[in-house]
Amino acid sequence: MRADELATLVTKKDLLELQYSLEESLRKILKENQRKEKFLTPRKFSELTGMAYSTVVQHCNYGLLKARQDRPGSSWQIDSSELDRYTDESAQNVS
């Protein structure tokens, strides 16, 4: 390998630092979005977290997410604070 090729190698430490930086950026973006919306639809929560839509609805049905319905059978409204809780718990599970 030439010296200029060695300079382009990425170490595991570099990748972990990049991952941490991206996770922090994502947390900031999610918190900004949370301030704008008090409640999220299951579809929006799914998009922001990467959790399957059907899983989000199931979590609402089982009470695993702080969510409400105006009346039985209507669409779920997920409290935006759940976004922070989900991202914090996900980060802890990765660490």
PDB file of N, CA and C in Angstrom:
ATOM      1  N   MET A   1       0.824  -1.190   0.000  1.00  0.00           N
ATOM      2  CA  MET A   1       0.000   0.000   0.000  1.00  0.00           C
ATOM      3  C   MET A   1       0.867   1.252   0.000  1.00  0.00           C
ATOM      4  N   ARG A   2       0.398   2.232  -0.726  1.00  0.00           N
ATOM      5  CA  ARG A   2       1.125   3.497  -0.764  1.00  0.00           C
ATOM      6  C   ARG A   2       0.696   4.367   0.421  1.00  0.00           C
ATOM      7  N   ALA A   3       1.505   5.356   0.714  1.00  0.00           N
ATOM      8  CA  ALA A   3       1.241   6.242   1.851  1.00  0.00           C
ATOM      9  C   ALA A   3      -0.077   6.996   1.685  1.00  0.00           C
ATOM     10  N   ASP A   4      -0.392   7.437   0.465  1.00  0.00           N
ATOM     11  CA  ASP A   4      -1.644   8.167   0.264  1.00  0.00           C
ATOM     12  C   ASP A   4      -2.856   7.259   0.438  1.00  0.00           C
ATOM     13  N   GLU A   5      -2.709   5.956   0.166  1.00  0.00           N
ATOM     14  CA  GLU A   5      -3.804   5.008   0.379  1.00  0.00           C
ATOM     15  C   GLU A   5      -4.033   4.780   1.874  1.00  0.00           C
ATOM     16  N   LEU A   6      -2.983   4.753   2.649  1.00  0.00           N
ATOM     17  CA  LEU A   6      -3.096   4.572   4.093  1.00  0.00           C
ATOM     18  C   LEU A   6      -3.867   5.718   4.734  1.00  0.00           C
ATOM     19  N   ALA A   7      -3.711   6.911   4.185  1.00  0.00           N
ATOM     20  CA  ALA A   7      -4.390   8.072   4.746  1.00  0.00           C
ATOM     21  C   ALA A   7      -5.903   7.993   4.567  1.00  0.00           C
ATOM     22  N   THR A   8      -6.373   7.206   3.624  1.00  0.00           N
ATOM     23  CA  THR A   8      -7.804   7.111   3.378  1.00  0.00           C
ATOM     24  C   THR A   8      -8.466   5.964   4.128  1.00  0.00           C
ATOM     25  N   LEU A   9      -7.727   5.158   4.836  1.00  0.00           N
ATOM     26  CA  LEU A   9      -8.311   4.069   5.608  1.00  0.00           C
ATOM     27  C   LEU A   9      -9.132   4.619   6.768  1.00  0.00           C
ATOM     28  N   VAL A  10     -10.219   3.969   7.048  1.00  0.00           N
ATOM     29  CA  VAL A  10     -11.094   4.392   8.132  1.00  0.00           C
ATOM     30  C   VAL A  10     -10.966   3.368   9.259  1.00  0.00           C
ATOM     31  N   THR A  11     -10.761   3.867  10.462  1.00  0.00           N
ATOM     32  CA  THR A  11     -10.632   2.968  11.602  1.00  0.00           C
ATOM     33  C   THR A  11     -11.993   2.741  12.261  1.00  0.00           C
ATOM     34  N   LYS A  12     -12.058   1.745  13.094  1.00  0.00           N
ATOM     35  CA  LYS A  12     -13.288   1.460  13.836  1.00  0.00           C
ATOM     36  C   LYS A  12     -13.648   2.662  14.714  1.00  0.00           C
ATOM     37  N   LYS A  13     -12.639   3.298  15.294  1.00  0.00           N
ATOM     38  CA  LYS A  13     -12.871   4.482  16.127  1.00  0.00           C
ATOM     39  C   LYS A  13     -13.512   5.599  15.301  1.00  0.00           C
ATOM     40  N   ASP A  14     -13.024   5.791  14.071  1.00  0.00           N
ATOM     41  CA  ASP A  14     -13.604   6.813  13.188  1.00  0.00           C
ATOM     42  C   ASP A  14     -15.077   6.530  12.932  1.00  0.00           C
ATOM     43  N   LEU A  15     -15.407   5.266  12.674  1.00  0.00           N
ATOM     44  CA  LEU A  15     -16.788   4.893  12.399  1.00  0.00           C
ATOM     45  C   LEU A  15     -17.671   5.087  13.623  1.00  0.00           C
ATOM     46  N   LEU A  16     -17.169   4.753  14.798  1.00  0.00           N
ATOM     47  CA  LEU A  16     -17.944   4.938  16.025  1.00  0.00           C
ATOM     48  C   LEU A  16     -18.177   6.421  16.309  1.00  0.00           C
ATOM     49  N   GLU A  17     -17.168   7.242  16.055  1.00  0.00           N
ATOM     50  CA  GLU A  17     -17.331   8.687  16.231  1.00  0.00           C
ATOM     51  C   GLU A  17     -18.363   9.240  15.256  1.00  0.00           C
ATOM     52  N   LEU A  18     -18.333   8.763  14.028  1.00  0.00           N
ATOM     53  CA  LEU A  18     -19.315   9.190  13.030  1.00  0.00           C
ATOM     54  C   LEU A  18     -20.718   8.752  13.450  1.00  0.00           C
ATOM     55  N   GLN A  19     -20.843   7.518  13.912  1.00  0.00           N
ATOM     56  CA  GLN A  19     -22.143   7.016  14.368  1.00  0.00           C
ATOM     57  C   GLN A  19     -22.672   7.873  15.508  1.00  0.00           C
ATOM     58  N   TYR A  20     -21.834   8.173  16.477  1.00  0.00           N
ATOM     59  CA  TYR A  20     -22.249   8.998  17.615  1.00  0.00           C
ATOM     60  C   TYR A  20     -22.697  10.377  17.144  1.00  0.00           C
ATOM     61  N   SER A  21     -21.939  10.959  16.232  1.00  0.00           N
ATOM     62  CA  SER A  21     -22.272  12.283  15.706  1.00  0.00           C
ATOM     63  C   SER A  21     -23.612  12.263  14.974  1.00  0.00           C
ATOM     64  N   LEU A  22     -23.838  11.239  14.168  1.00  0.00           N
ATOM     65  CA  LEU A  22     -25.102  11.123  13.437  1.00  0.00           C
ATOM     66  C   LEU A  22     -26.274  10.917  14.388  1.00  0.00           C
ATOM     67  N   GLU A  23     -26.077  10.097  15.424  1.00  0.00           N
ATOM     68  CA  GLU A  23     -27.143   9.868  16.401  1.00  0.00           C
ATOM     69  C   GLU A  23     -27.494  11.151  17.137  1.00  0.00           C
ATOM     70  N   GLU A  24     -26.490  11.929  17.508  1.00  0.00           N
ATOM     71  CA  GLU A  24     -26.737  13.205  18.187  1.00  0.00           C
ATOM     72  C   GLU A  24     -27.483  14.168  17.271  1.00  0.00           C
ATOM     73  N   SER A  25     -27.094  14.208  16.020  1.00  0.00           N
ATOM     74  CA  SER A  25     -27.780  15.085  15.056  1.00  0.00           C
ATOM     75  C   SER A  25     -29.233  14.663  14.897  1.00  0.00           C
ATOM     76  N   LEU A  26     -29.460  13.362  14.818  1.00  0.00           N
ATOM     77  CA  LEU A  26     -30.820  12.854  14.684  1.00  0.00           C
ATOM     78  C   LEU A  26     -31.652  13.196  15.912  1.00  0.00           C
ATOM     79  N   ARG A  27     -31.079  13.056  17.098  1.00  0.00           N
ATOM     80  CA  ARG A  27     -31.796  13.410  18.331  1.00  0.00           C
ATOM     81  C   ARG A  27     -32.214  14.886  18.316  1.00  0.00           C
ATOM     82  N   LYS A  28     -31.304  15.759  17.893  1.00  0.00           N
ATOM     83  CA  LYS A  28     -31.618  17.191  17.831  1.00  0.00           C
ATOM     84  C   LYS A  28     -32.751  17.459  16.855  1.00  0.00           C
ATOM     85  N   ILE A  29     -32.695  16.827  15.703  1.00  0.00           N
ATOM     86  CA  ILE A  29     -33.752  17.007  14.696  1.00  0.00           C
ATOM     87  C   ILE A  29     -35.081  16.507  15.230  1.00  0.00           C
ATOM     88  N   LEU A  30     -35.069  15.344  15.864  1.00  0.00           N
ATOM     89  CA  LEU A  30     -36.301  14.782  16.402  1.00  0.00           C
ATOM     90  C   LEU A  30     -36.874  15.668  17.504  1.00  0.00           C
ATOM     91  N   LYS A  31     -36.019  16.235  18.343  1.00  0.00           N
ATOM     92  CA  LYS A  31     -36.496  17.129  19.405  1.00  0.00           C
ATOM     93  C   LYS A  31     -37.099  18.404  18.823  1.00  0.00           C
ATOM     94  N   GLU A  32     -36.498  18.920  17.760  1.00  0.00           N
ATOM     95  CA  GLU A  32     -37.057  20.107  17.113  1.00  0.00           C
ATOM     96  C   GLU A  32     -38.434  19.797  16.534  1.00  0.00           C
ATOM     97  N   ASN A  33     -38.571  18.652  15.904  1.00  0.00           N
ATOM     98  CA  ASN A  33     -39.866  18.248  15.347  1.00  0.00           C
ATOM     99  C   ASN A  33     -40.886  18.035  16.455  1.00  0.00           C
ATOM    100  N   GLN A  34     -40.436  17.519  17.578  1.00  0.00           N
ATOM    101  CA  GLN A  34     -41.332  17.257  18.703  1.00  0.00           C
ATOM    102  C   GLN A  34     -41.928  18.556  19.214  1.00  0.00           C
ATOM    103  N   ARG A  35     -41.138  19.601  19.254  1.00  0.00           N
ATOM    104  CA  ARG A  35     -41.635  20.886  19.752  1.00  0.00           C
ATOM    105  C   ARG A  35     -42.726  21.450  18.845  1.00  0.00           C
ATOM    106  N   LYS A  36     -42.671  21.121  17.586  1.00  0.00           N
ATOM    107  CA  LYS A  36     -43.640  21.635  16.632  1.00  0.00           C
ATOM    108  C   LYS A  36     -44.971  20.902  16.727  1.00  0.00           C
ATOM    109  N   GLU A  37     -44.931  19.616  17.008  1.00  0.00           N
ATOM    110  CA  GLU A  37     -46.147  18.813  17.018  1.00  0.00           C
ATOM    111  C   GLU A  37     -46.342  18.194  18.397  1.00  0.00           C
ATOM    112  N   LYS A  38     -47.513  18.385  18.976  1.00  0.00           N
ATOM    113  CA  LYS A  38     -47.798  17.794  20.279  1.00  0.00           C
ATOM    114  C   LYS A  38     -48.113  16.310  20.151  1.00  0.00           C
ATOM    115  N   PHE A  39     -48.780  15.946  19.065  1.00  0.00           N
ATOM    116  CA  PHE A  39     -49.123  14.548  18.827  1.00  0.00           C
ATOM    117  C   PHE A  39     -48.660  14.126  17.436  1.00  0.00           C
ATOM    118  N   LEU A  40     -48.337  12.849  17.307  1.00  0.00           N
ATOM    119  CA  LEU A  40     -47.909  12.284  16.033  1.00  0.00           C
ATOM    120  C   LEU A  40     -48.868  11.175  15.628  1.00  0.00           C
ATOM    121  N   THR A  41     -49.064  11.028  14.343  1.00  0.00           N
ATOM    122  CA  THR A  41     -49.845   9.886  13.864  1.00  0.00           C
ATOM    123  C   THR A  41     -48.949   8.650  13.917  1.00  0.00           C
ATOM    124  N   PRO A  42     -49.534   7.477  13.949  1.00  0.00           N
ATOM    125  CA  PRO A  42     -48.716   6.261  13.898  1.00  0.00           C
ATOM    126  C   PRO A  42     -47.817   6.234  12.652  1.00  0.00           C
ATOM    127  N   ARG A  43     -48.318   6.721  11.529  1.00  0.00           N
ATOM    128  CA  ARG A  43     -47.526   6.745  10.288  1.00  0.00           C
ATOM    129  C   ARG A  43     -46.300   7.639  10.466  1.00  0.00           C
ATOM    130  N   LYS A  44     -46.488   8.831  11.030  1.00  0.00           N
ATOM    131  CA  LYS A  44     -45.378   9.772  11.228  1.00  0.00           C
ATOM    132  C   LYS A  44     -44.368   9.200  12.227  1.00  0.00           C
ATOM    133  N   PHE A  45     -44.862   8.602  13.323  1.00  0.00           N
ATOM    134  CA  PHE A  45     -43.977   7.991  14.318  1.00  0.00           C
ATOM    135  C   PHE A  45     -43.160   6.885  13.661  1.00  0.00           C
ATOM    136  N   SER A  46     -43.806   6.106  12.816  1.00  0.00           N
ATOM    137  CA  SER A  46     -43.138   5.029  12.092  1.00  0.00           C
ATOM    138  C   SER A  46     -42.027   5.578  11.200  1.00  0.00           C
ATOM    139  N   GLU A  47     -42.324   6.645  10.470  1.00  0.00           N
ATOM    140  CA  GLU A  47     -41.334   7.260   9.577  1.00  0.00           C
ATOM    141  C   GLU A  47     -40.133   7.801  10.352  1.00  0.00           C
ATOM    142  N   LEU A  48     -40.387   8.436  11.480  1.00  0.00           N
ATOM    143  CA  LEU A  48     -39.310   9.065  12.246  1.00  0.00           C
ATOM    144  C   LEU A  48     -38.432   8.069  12.986  1.00  0.00           C
ATOM    145  N   THR A  49     -39.013   6.941  13.381  1.00  0.00           N
ATOM    146  CA  THR A  49     -38.262   5.971  14.180  1.00  0.00           C
ATOM    147  C   THR A  49     -37.769   4.767  13.394  1.00  0.00           C
ATOM    148  N   GLY A  50     -38.398   4.500  12.249  1.00  0.00           N
ATOM    149  CA  GLY A  50     -38.044   3.303  11.499  1.00  0.00           C
ATOM    150  C   GLY A  50     -38.783   2.063  11.979  1.00  0.00           C
ATOM    151  N   MET A  51     -39.630   2.226  12.990  1.00  0.00           N
ATOM    152  CA  MET A  51     -40.439   1.116  13.493  1.00  0.00           C
ATOM    153  C   MET A  51     -41.570   0.870  12.488  1.00  0.00           C
ATOM    154  N   ALA A  52     -41.886  -0.385  12.258  1.00  0.00           N
ATOM    155  CA  ALA A  52     -42.954  -0.719  11.318  1.00  0.00           C
ATOM    156  C   ALA A  52     -44.278  -0.102  11.783  1.00  0.00           C
ATOM    157  N   TYR A  53     -45.058   0.371  10.825  1.00  0.00           N
ATOM    158  CA  TYR A  53     -46.345   0.995  11.130  1.00  0.00           C
ATOM    159  C   TYR A  53     -47.231   0.067  11.956  1.00  0.00           C
ATOM    160  N   SER A  54     -47.306  -1.194  11.559  1.00  0.00           N
ATOM    161  CA  SER A  54     -48.161  -2.143  12.284  1.00  0.00           C
ATOM    162  C   SER A  54     -47.691  -2.340  13.722  1.00  0.00           C
ATOM    163  N   THR A  55     -46.388  -2.269  13.942  1.00  0.00           N
ATOM    164  CA  THR A  55     -45.843  -2.388  15.297  1.00  0.00           C
ATOM    165  C   THR A  55     -46.214  -1.171  16.126  1.00  0.00           C
ATOM    166  N   VAL A  56     -46.163   0.002  15.513  1.00  0.00           N
ATOM    167  CA  VAL A  56     -46.542   1.237  16.217  1.00  0.00           C
ATOM    168  C   VAL A  56     -47.997   1.141  16.675  1.00  0.00           C
ATOM    169  N   VAL A  57     -48.889   0.729  15.774  1.00  0.00           N
ATOM    170  CA  VAL A  57     -50.309   0.609  16.122  1.00  0.00           C
ATOM    171  C   VAL A  57     -50.497  -0.438  17.219  1.00  0.00           C
ATOM    172  N   GLN A  58     -49.784  -1.545  17.107  1.00  0.00           N
ATOM    173  CA  GLN A  58     -49.874  -2.595  18.127  1.00  0.00           C
ATOM    174  C   GLN A  58     -49.400  -2.072  19.479  1.00  0.00           C
ATOM    175  N   HIS A  59     -48.311  -1.306  19.490  1.00  0.00           N
ATOM    176  CA  HIS A  59     -47.820  -0.724  20.744  1.00  0.00           C
ATOM    177  C   HIS A  59     -48.844   0.227  21.342  1.00  0.00           C
ATOM    178  N   CYS A  60     -49.548   0.963  20.493  1.00  0.00           N
ATOM    179  CA  CYS A  60     -50.620   1.847  20.977  1.00  0.00           C
ATOM    180  C   CYS A  60     -51.731   1.009  21.605  1.00  0.00           C
ATOM    181  N   ASN A  61     -52.136  -0.045  20.921  1.00  0.00           N
ATOM    182  CA  ASN A  61     -53.210  -0.912  21.424  1.00  0.00           C
ATOM    183  C   ASN A  61     -52.863  -1.548  22.765  1.00  0.00           C
ATOM    184  N   TYR A  62     -51.597  -1.919  22.949  1.00  0.00           N
ATOM    185  CA  TYR A  62     -51.161  -2.580  24.179  1.00  0.00           C
ATOM    186  C   TYR A  62     -50.746  -1.607  25.279  1.00  0.00           C
ATOM    187  N   GLY A  63     -50.772  -0.315  24.972  1.00  0.00           N
ATOM    188  CA  GLY A  63     -50.397   0.673  25.978  1.00  0.00           C
ATOM    189  C   GLY A  63     -48.896   0.833  26.145  1.00  0.00           C
ATOM    190  N   LEU A  64     -48.118   0.372  25.170  1.00  0.00           N
ATOM    191  CA  LEU A  64     -46.659   0.493  25.258  1.00  0.00           C
ATOM    192  C   LEU A  64     -46.169   1.870  24.815  1.00  0.00           C
ATOM    193  N   LEU A  65     -47.027   2.599  24.115  1.00  0.00           N
ATOM    194  CA  LEU A  65     -46.747   3.985  23.747  1.00  0.00           C
ATOM    195  C   LEU A  65     -47.828   4.867  24.365  1.00  0.00           C
ATOM    196  N   LYS A  66     -47.415   6.032  24.828  1.00  0.00           N
ATOM    197  CA  LYS A  66     -48.377   6.991  25.378  1.00  0.00           C
ATOM    198  C   LYS A  66     -49.160   7.587  24.209  1.00  0.00           C
ATOM    199  N   ALA A  67     -50.389   7.096  24.048  1.00  0.00           N
ATOM    200  CA  ALA A  67     -51.199   7.503  22.901  1.00  0.00           C
ATOM    201  C   ALA A  67     -52.666   7.578  23.320  1.00  0.00           C
ATOM    202  N   ARG A  68     -53.440   8.251  22.493  1.00  0.00           N
ATOM    203  CA  ARG A  68     -54.866   8.386  22.797  1.00  0.00           C
ATOM    204  C   ARG A  68     -55.684   8.242  21.519  1.00  0.00           C
ATOM    205  N   GLN A  69     -56.957   7.931  21.735  1.00  0.00           N
ATOM    206  CA  GLN A  69     -57.941   7.921  20.659  1.00  0.00           C
ATOM    207  C   GLN A  69     -59.104   8.783  21.105  1.00  0.00           C
ATOM    208  N   ASP A  70     -59.660   9.565  20.204  1.00  0.00           N
ATOM    209  CA  ASP A  70     -60.821  10.386  20.555  1.00  0.00           C
ATOM    210  C   ASP A  70     -62.024   9.508  20.871  1.00  0.00           C
ATOM    211  N   ARG A  71     -62.127   8.400  20.144  1.00  0.00           N
ATOM    212  CA  ARG A  71     -63.191   7.421  20.396  1.00  0.00           C
ATOM    213  C   ARG A  71     -62.682   6.071  19.902  1.00  0.00           C
ATOM    214  N   PRO A  72     -63.211   4.978  20.412  1.00  0.00           N
ATOM    215  CA  PRO A  72     -62.761   3.655  19.975  1.00  0.00           C
ATOM    216  C   PRO A  72     -62.855   3.503  18.449  1.00  0.00           C
ATOM    217  N   GLY A  73     -61.811   2.987  17.872  1.00  0.00           N
ATOM    218  CA  GLY A  73     -61.775   2.778  16.433  1.00  0.00           C
ATOM    219  C   GLY A  73     -61.218   3.938  15.640  1.00  0.00           C
ATOM    220  N   SER A  74     -61.074   5.101  16.287  1.00  0.00           N
ATOM    221  CA  SER A  74     -60.510   6.246  15.562  1.00  0.00           C
ATOM    222  C   SER A  74     -58.987   6.138  15.537  1.00  0.00           C
ATOM    223  N   SER A  75     -58.360   7.007  14.786  1.00  0.00           N
ATOM    224  CA  SER A  75     -56.916   6.985  14.631  1.00  0.00           C
ATOM    225  C   SER A  75     -56.214   7.313  15.956  1.00  0.00           C
ATOM    226  N   TRP A  76     -55.077   6.678  16.163  1.00  0.00           N
ATOM    227  CA  TRP A  76     -54.275   6.943  17.360  1.00  0.00           C
ATOM    228  C   TRP A  76     -53.546   8.268  17.210  1.00  0.00           C
ATOM    229  N   GLN A  77     -53.355   8.948  18.335  1.00  0.00           N
ATOM    230  CA  GLN A  77     -52.534  10.152  18.422  1.00  0.00           C
ATOM    231  C   GLN A  77     -51.475   9.870  19.480  1.00  0.00           C
ATOM    232  N   ILE A  78     -50.220   9.818  19.062  1.00  0.00           N
ATOM    233  CA  ILE A  78     -49.111   9.465  19.950  1.00  0.00           C
ATOM    234  C   ILE A  78     -48.491  10.734  20.496  1.00  0.00           C
ATOM    235  N   ASP A  79     -48.353  10.800  21.813  1.00  0.00           N
ATOM    236  CA  ASP A  79     -47.738  11.957  22.455  1.00  0.00           C
ATOM    237  C   ASP A  79     -46.311  12.103  21.927  1.00  0.00           C
ATOM    238  N   SER A  80     -45.944  13.306  21.527  1.00  0.00           N
ATOM    239  CA  SER A  80     -44.628  13.534  20.914  1.00  0.00           C
ATOM    240  C   SER A  80     -43.474  13.239  21.873  1.00  0.00           C
ATOM    241  N   SER A  81     -43.730  13.225  23.182  1.00  0.00           N
ATOM    242  CA  SER A  81     -42.671  12.884  24.142  1.00  0.00           C
ATOM    243  C   SER A  81     -42.200  11.440  23.968  1.00  0.00           C
ATOM    244  N   GLU A  82     -43.041  10.615  23.362  1.00  0.00           N
ATOM    245  CA  GLU A  82     -42.661   9.225  23.129  1.00  0.00           C
ATOM    246  C   GLU A  82     -41.501   9.121  22.143  1.00  0.00           C
ATOM    247  N   LEU A  83     -41.354  10.104  21.289  1.00  0.00           N
ATOM    248  CA  LEU A  83     -40.254  10.115  20.335  1.00  0.00           C
ATOM    249  C   LEU A  83     -38.917  10.191  21.066  1.00  0.00           C
ATOM    250  N   ASP A  84     -38.823  11.074  22.060  1.00  0.00           N
ATOM    251  CA  ASP A  84     -37.605  11.170  22.872  1.00  0.00           C
ATOM    252  C   ASP A  84     -37.351   9.878  23.626  1.00  0.00           C
ATOM    253  N   ARG A  85     -38.390   9.343  24.240  1.00  0.00           N
ATOM    254  CA  ARG A  85     -38.233   8.110  25.008  1.00  0.00           C
ATOM    255  C   ARG A  85     -37.742   6.974  24.113  1.00  0.00           C
ATOM    256  N   TYR A  86     -38.324   6.863  22.944  1.00  0.00           N
ATOM    257  CA  TYR A  86     -37.931   5.802  22.018  1.00  0.00           C
ATOM    258  C   TYR A  86     -36.477   5.966  21.583  1.00  0.00           C
ATOM    259  N   THR A  87     -36.078   7.192  21.189  1.00  0.00           N
ATOM    260  CA  THR A  87     -34.711   7.397  20.736  1.00  0.00           C
ATOM    261  C   THR A  87     -33.697   7.201  21.866  1.00  0.00           C
ATOM    262  N   ASP A  88     -34.068   7.623  23.084  1.00  0.00           N
ATOM    263  CA  ASP A  88     -33.171   7.416  24.230  1.00  0.00           C
ATOM    264  C   ASP A  88     -32.999   5.937  24.532  1.00  0.00           C
ATOM    265  N   GLU A  89     -34.104   5.173  24.529  1.00  0.00           N
ATOM    266  CA  GLU A  89     -34.023   3.736  24.801  1.00  0.00           C
ATOM    267  C   GLU A  89     -33.266   3.010  23.683  1.00  0.00           C
ATOM    268  N   SER A  90     -33.451   3.442  22.462  1.00  0.00           N
ATOM    269  CA  SER A  90     -32.729   2.830  21.331  1.00  0.00           C
ATOM    270  C   SER A  90     -31.231   3.065  21.467  1.00  0.00           C
ATOM    271  N   ALA A  91     -30.874   4.277  21.857  1.00  0.00           N
ATOM    272  CA  ALA A  91     -29.448   4.605  22.027  1.00  0.00           C
ATOM    273  C   ALA A  91     -28.835   3.779  23.145  1.00  0.00           C
ATOM    274  N   GLN A  92     -29.570   3.557  24.221  1.00  0.00           N
ATOM    275  CA  GLN A  92     -29.062   2.752  25.333  1.00  0.00           C
ATOM    276  C   GLN A  92     -28.872   1.299  24.914  1.00  0.00           C
ATOM    277  N   ASN A  93     -29.768   0.797  24.079  1.00  0.00           N
ATOM    278  CA  ASN A  93     -29.668  -0.593  23.629  1.00  0.00           C
ATOM    279  C   ASN A  93     -28.500  -0.792  22.692  1.00  0.00           C
ATOM    280  N   VAL A  94     -28.107   0.246  21.943  1.00  0.00           N
ATOM    281  CA  VAL A  94     -26.990   0.162  21.018  1.00  0.00           C
ATOM    282  C   VAL A  94     -25.672   0.210  21.772  1.00  0.00           C
ATOM    283  N   SER A  95     -25.631   1.007  22.822  1.00  0.00           N
ATOM    284  CA  SER A  95     -24.377   1.203  23.568  1.00  0.00           C
ATOM    285  C   SER A  95     -23.904  -0.027  24.270  1.00  0.00           C
TER     286      SER A  95
END
